[in-house]
């Protein structure tokens, strides 16, 4: 496996998202992977590249490269956040965006309508793809890949204590936990057997985050009997969250960890009653 990565999305300035389809009941999404912003919107932003990158989820698309079905978003969450409900998807106020002032001129009128159309178009596509997968396989698992910062006090300050910041946080808030335990528990066990940076992954459920995002809610609302959406938050142990520089070996190891889970998930889906 190649142990080199570049910052995502730099070669797709006009792309919304990319879809790869395979013959599998597993789909991986990286909806905060992107960094692109339309030029006319960038001109009205108060937040620069570095500020945006710090809260985006770069390299999450790399971790799902071995998942047969993949949906990767190339737009920045600071343009429109696809993991928020439509009324919250454009960050109008600092309290919606980690205290950051995103805009000098908040989008309104036609600009805002266009961003909300992007949001609606994404979920229309997602529903179509998942409907196809449910029809083909009966059930499916969606791995909703994200990442999170753990050095918020500054690059030289101590990181968030490990007990409050697992390497992998599994969010299950909107899931029928009992129904999908046969899938979720083997998935977590498999990830705990994987090693990154020389040690087993610390994988825990609903510690740093609970999986309250719009995408998992959408899946469980529209596919309550057939869709298991797992919010997977990777602590940024695979990069420097302040400079944006990746650790290529750690990215490759996380990709391998996700790859190792695929046969486990497929077997677990088949074992469900």
Protein backbone atom coordinates (compact mmCIF):
# COMPACT_ATOMS: atom_id res chain seq x y z
CA UNK A 1 0.00 0.00 0.00
CA UNK A 2 1.24 3.46 -0.84
CA UNK A 3 2.29 5.35 2.29
CA UNK A 4 1.90 8.80 0.79
CA UNK A 5 -1.07 11.14 0.76
CA UNK A 6 -1.73 14.65 -0.44
CA UNK A 7 -4.23 17.16 0.82
CA UNK A 8 -7.65 16.10 -0.53
CA UNK A 9 -9.72 17.87 -3.14
CA UNK A 10 -7.05 20.16 -4.59
CA UNK A 11 -7.57 18.77 -8.09
CA UNK A 12 -11.38 19.01 -8.08
CA UNK A 13 -12.19 22.72 -7.77
CA UNK A 14 -15.61 22.42 -9.42
CA UNK A 15 -16.73 19.05 -8.09
CA UNK A 16 -19.50 18.52 -5.57
CA UNK A 17 -18.86 14.86 -4.76
CA UNK A 18 -17.65 11.57 -6.19
CA UNK A 19 -19.53 8.26 -6.15
CA UNK A 20 -18.06 4.79 -6.63
CA UNK A 21 -20.44 1.81 -6.76
CA UNK A 22 -19.62 -1.81 -6.15
CA UNK A 23 -21.38 -5.09 -5.42
CA UNK A 24 -21.34 -4.94 -1.64
CA UNK A 25 -23.76 -4.08 1.16
CA UNK A 26 -21.17 -1.74 2.70
CA UNK A 27 -20.83 1.94 1.78
CA UNK A 28 -18.34 4.44 3.17
CA UNK A 29 -18.91 8.19 3.15
CA UNK A 30 -16.53 11.10 3.80
CA UNK A 31 -18.82 14.11 3.77
CA UNK A 32 -16.42 16.49 5.54
CA UNK A 33 -13.33 15.46 3.59
CA UNK A 34 -13.48 18.37 1.14
CA UNK A 35 -11.93 21.81 1.22
CA UNK A 36 -13.27 23.47 -1.92
CA UNK A 37 -15.32 26.68 -1.78
CA UNK A 38 -16.89 28.42 -4.74
CA UNK A 39 -14.79 31.53 -5.59
CA UNK A 40 -17.72 33.94 -5.24
CA UNK A 41 -18.34 32.57 -1.73
CA UNK A 42 -14.66 32.56 -0.75
CA UNK A 43 -14.61 36.30 -1.52
CA UNK A 44 -17.25 36.86 1.18
CA UNK A 45 -15.64 34.63 3.84
CA UNK A 46 -13.88 35.93 6.91
CA UNK A 47 -12.34 32.52 7.63
CA UNK A 48 -9.21 31.61 5.68
CA UNK A 49 -7.85 28.31 4.42
CA UNK A 50 -6.07 27.33 7.64
CA UNK A 51 -9.08 28.01 9.82
CA UNK A 52 -11.30 25.94 7.55
CA UNK A 53 -8.86 23.04 7.33
CA UNK A 54 -8.58 22.74 11.09
CA UNK A 55 -12.27 21.86 11.40
CA UNK A 56 -12.59 19.81 8.23
CA UNK A 57 -11.96 16.05 8.09
CA UNK A 58 -9.10 15.66 5.62
CA UNK A 59 -7.90 12.19 4.65
CA UNK A 60 -11.11 10.50 5.78
CA UNK A 61 -11.69 9.64 2.11
CA UNK A 62 -8.36 7.83 2.12
CA UNK A 63 -9.48 5.59 4.98
CA UNK A 64 -12.43 4.23 2.95
CA UNK A 65 -10.61 3.65 -0.34
CA UNK A 66 -11.10 -0.10 -0.02
CA UNK A 67 -14.84 0.11 0.63
CA UNK A 68 -16.58 -0.99 -2.60
CA UNK A 69 -19.22 1.76 -2.40
CA UNK A 70 -17.89 5.23 -1.62
CA UNK A 71 -19.40 8.71 -1.53
CA UNK A 72 -16.84 11.48 -1.01
CA UNK A 73 -17.76 15.16 -0.79
CA UNK A 74 -15.29 17.71 -2.20
CA UNK A 75 -16.93 20.87 -0.86
CA UNK A 76 -15.94 22.38 2.48
CA UNK A 77 -18.32 22.01 5.38
CA UNK A 78 -17.91 25.78 5.76
CA UNK A 79 -19.72 26.20 2.46
CA UNK A 80 -22.58 23.90 3.45
CA UNK A 81 -22.44 21.26 6.16
CA UNK A 82 -24.12 18.09 4.90
CA UNK A 83 -24.12 16.59 8.39
CA UNK A 84 -26.50 19.24 9.70
CA UNK A 85 -30.21 19.67 9.11
CA UNK A 86 -30.94 22.17 6.30
CA UNK A 87 -31.81 25.02 8.67
CA UNK A 88 -28.40 24.65 10.36
CA UNK A 89 -26.31 23.62 7.34
CA UNK A 90 -24.88 27.09 6.59
CA UNK A 91 -22.96 28.49 9.55
CA UNK A 92 -24.59 31.88 10.08
CA UNK A 93 -23.37 32.51 13.63
CA UNK A 94 -20.12 31.74 15.48
CA UNK A 95 -21.91 29.49 17.97
CA UNK A 96 -22.70 27.15 15.07
CA UNK A 97 -19.02 26.83 14.14
CA UNK A 98 -16.76 26.45 17.21
CA UNK A 99 -16.87 30.21 17.85
CA UNK A 100 -15.42 30.98 14.42
CA UNK A 101 -16.72 33.88 12.36
CA UNK A 102 -17.10 32.27 8.95
CA UNK A 103 -18.54 35.10 6.84
CA UNK A 104 -17.96 38.79 6.25
CA UNK A 105 -21.19 38.70 4.25
CA UNK A 106 -23.53 35.88 5.23
CA UNK A 107 -25.06 34.16 2.17
CA UNK A 108 -28.62 35.20 1.46
CA UNK A 109 -31.10 35.08 -1.36
CA UNK A 110 -29.86 33.18 -4.39
CA UNK A 111 -26.52 32.26 -2.79
CA UNK A 112 -28.19 30.65 0.21
CA UNK A 113 -30.75 28.91 -1.97
CA UNK A 114 -27.98 27.40 -4.11
CA UNK A 115 -26.21 26.04 -1.03
CA UNK A 116 -29.40 24.50 0.30
CA UNK A 117 -29.97 22.90 -3.11
CA UNK A 118 -26.55 21.25 -2.76
CA UNK A 119 -27.70 19.86 0.58
CA UNK A 120 -31.00 18.59 -0.86
CA UNK A 121 -29.27 17.14 -3.94
CA UNK A 122 -26.80 15.22 -1.79
CA UNK A 123 -29.55 13.59 0.26
CA UNK A 124 -31.56 12.79 -2.87
CA UNK A 125 -28.49 11.00 -4.27
CA UNK A 126 -27.82 9.23 -0.98
CA UNK A 127 -31.40 8.00 -0.75
CA UNK A 128 -31.25 6.70 -4.32
CA UNK A 129 -27.98 4.83 -3.76
CA UNK A 130 -29.10 3.33 -0.46
CA UNK A 131 -32.42 2.27 -1.98
CA UNK A 132 -30.50 0.39 -4.67
CA UNK A 133 -28.30 -1.28 -2.08
CA UNK A 134 -31.26 -2.27 0.08
CA UNK A 135 -33.03 -3.73 -2.94
CA UNK A 136 -29.94 -5.67 -3.99
CA UNK A 137 -28.72 -6.93 -0.61
CA UNK A 138 -31.67 -6.64 1.74
CA UNK A 139 -29.60 -4.75 4.31
CA UNK A 140 -26.63 -2.40 4.25
CA UNK A 141 -24.09 -0.71 6.53
CA UNK A 142 -23.04 2.90 6.04
CA UNK A 143 -19.71 3.90 7.59
CA UNK A 144 -20.03 7.66 8.18
CA UNK A 145 -16.36 8.62 8.49
CA UNK A 146 -15.29 11.78 10.31
CA UNK A 147 -12.35 13.02 12.35
CA UNK A 148 -11.93 15.24 15.37
CA UNK A 149 -9.37 17.53 16.96
CA UNK A 150 -7.75 16.71 20.28
CA UNK A 151 -5.22 19.53 20.64
CA UNK A 152 -7.62 22.46 20.83
CA UNK A 153 -5.56 24.29 23.46
CA UNK A 154 -2.79 24.85 20.91
CA UNK A 155 -0.03 22.97 19.09
CA UNK A 156 2.30 23.01 22.10
CA UNK A 157 -0.35 22.36 24.76
CA UNK A 158 -1.21 18.92 26.13
CA UNK A 159 -3.79 17.00 24.12
CA UNK A 160 -7.22 16.04 25.41
CA UNK A 161 -6.74 13.19 27.94
CA UNK A 162 -7.08 9.75 26.38
CA UNK A 163 -9.99 8.79 28.62
CA UNK A 164 -12.07 11.56 27.03
CA UNK A 165 -10.74 11.13 23.49
CA UNK A 166 -10.60 7.57 22.14
CA UNK A 167 -8.70 6.92 18.93
CA UNK A 168 -11.98 5.87 17.33
CA UNK A 169 -15.29 7.12 18.69
CA UNK A 170 -18.33 5.16 17.52
CA UNK A 171 -21.56 7.17 17.57
CA UNK A 172 -24.86 5.32 17.86
CA UNK A 173 -27.35 7.94 19.08
CA UNK A 174 -29.95 7.50 16.31
CA UNK A 175 -29.43 3.75 15.90
CA UNK A 176 -31.72 0.98 17.12
CA UNK A 177 -28.83 -0.44 19.13
CA UNK A 178 -30.49 -3.75 19.93
CA UNK A 179 -31.45 -4.42 16.32
CA UNK A 180 -27.94 -3.78 15.01
CA UNK A 181 -25.85 -5.18 17.88
CA UNK A 182 -24.95 -8.22 15.76
CA UNK A 183 -23.29 -5.85 13.29
CA UNK A 184 -21.95 -3.13 15.55
CA UNK A 185 -20.28 -5.24 18.23
CA UNK A 186 -18.16 -7.36 15.82
CA UNK A 187 -17.20 -4.15 14.00
CA UNK A 188 -15.96 -2.55 17.21
CA UNK A 189 -14.14 -5.74 18.23
CA UNK A 190 -12.43 -5.91 14.84
CA UNK A 191 -11.23 -2.31 15.04
CA UNK A 192 -9.84 -2.91 18.52
CA UNK A 193 -7.63 -5.64 17.08
CA UNK A 194 -6.01 -3.23 14.61
CA UNK A 195 -2.79 -1.38 15.35
CA UNK A 196 -1.98 2.23 14.49
CA UNK A 197 1.27 3.91 15.48
CA UNK A 198 2.43 0.71 17.14
CA UNK A 199 -0.48 0.09 19.50
CA UNK A 200 -4.01 -1.31 19.38
CA UNK A 201 -6.73 1.20 18.59
CA UNK A 202 -8.70 2.55 21.53
CA UNK A 203 -12.27 2.19 20.22
CA UNK A 204 -15.19 3.28 22.40
CA UNK A 205 -18.82 4.19 21.94
CA UNK A 206 -20.44 7.61 22.52
CA UNK A 207 -17.55 9.17 24.45
CA UNK A 208 -16.35 12.24 22.54
CA UNK A 209 -19.38 12.24 20.21
CA UNK A 210 -22.69 10.40 20.10
CA UNK A 211 -23.40 10.28 16.38
CA UNK A 212 -26.10 12.96 16.34
CA UNK A 213 -25.35 14.13 12.80
CA UNK A 214 -27.91 14.51 10.05
CA UNK A 215 -26.61 11.69 7.86
CA UNK A 216 -27.02 8.86 10.36
CA UNK A 217 -30.40 10.27 11.38
CA UNK A 218 -31.42 10.32 7.71
CA UNK A 219 -30.45 6.68 7.20
CA UNK A 220 -32.23 5.44 10.28
CA UNK A 221 -35.30 7.54 9.51
CA UNK A 222 -35.67 6.38 5.90
CA UNK A 223 -34.27 2.83 6.22
CA UNK A 224 -35.26 1.77 9.75
CA UNK A 225 -35.34 -1.95 8.97
CA UNK A 226 -32.57 -2.21 6.38
CA UNK A 227 -29.94 0.47 7.11
CA UNK A 228 -27.30 0.51 9.83
CA UNK A 229 -25.43 3.83 9.82
CA UNK A 230 -22.36 3.97 12.07
CA UNK A 231 -20.80 7.34 12.84
CA UNK A 232 -17.03 6.76 13.01
CA UNK A 233 -14.97 9.64 14.43
CA UNK A 234 -11.21 9.22 14.06
CA UNK A 235 -9.10 11.24 16.44
CA UNK A 236 -6.53 13.19 14.41
CA UNK A 237 -3.67 10.92 15.45
CA UNK A 238 -2.99 10.55 11.71
CA UNK A 239 -2.09 14.21 11.11
CA UNK A 240 -1.03 17.46 12.70
CA UNK A 241 -4.33 19.23 13.22
CA UNK A 242 -2.63 22.63 13.39
CA UNK A 243 -0.48 22.46 10.25
CA UNK A 244 -2.66 20.02 8.28
CA UNK A 245 0.34 17.76 7.56
CA UNK A 246 -0.56 14.05 7.45
CA UNK A 247 1.29 11.09 8.91
CA UNK A 248 1.15 8.89 5.78
CA UNK A 249 1.92 5.68 7.66
CA UNK A 250 -0.88 6.29 10.17
CA UNK A 251 -3.33 7.13 7.37
CA UNK A 252 -2.39 3.86 5.66
CA UNK A 253 -2.84 1.93 8.92
CA UNK A 254 -6.30 3.40 9.46
CA UNK A 255 -7.19 2.51 5.89
CA UNK A 256 -6.04 -1.06 6.61
CA UNK A 257 -8.15 -1.11 9.79
CA UNK A 258 -11.28 -0.17 7.84
CA UNK A 259 -10.41 -2.73 5.16
CA UNK A 260 -10.09 -5.45 7.79
CA UNK A 261 -13.61 -4.69 9.04
CA UNK A 262 -15.33 -5.21 5.67
CA UNK A 263 -15.61 -9.03 5.73
CA UNK A 264 -16.65 -8.80 9.38
CA UNK A 265 -19.48 -6.42 8.52
CA UNK A 266 -20.61 -8.48 5.53
CA UNK A 267 -20.64 -11.67 7.61
CA UNK A 268 -22.54 -9.94 10.40
CA UNK A 269 -25.20 -8.67 8.01
CA UNK A 270 -25.74 -12.21 6.77
CA UNK A 271 -26.13 -13.46 10.34
CA UNK A 272 -28.97 -11.09 11.19
CA UNK A 273 -32.41 -12.71 11.49
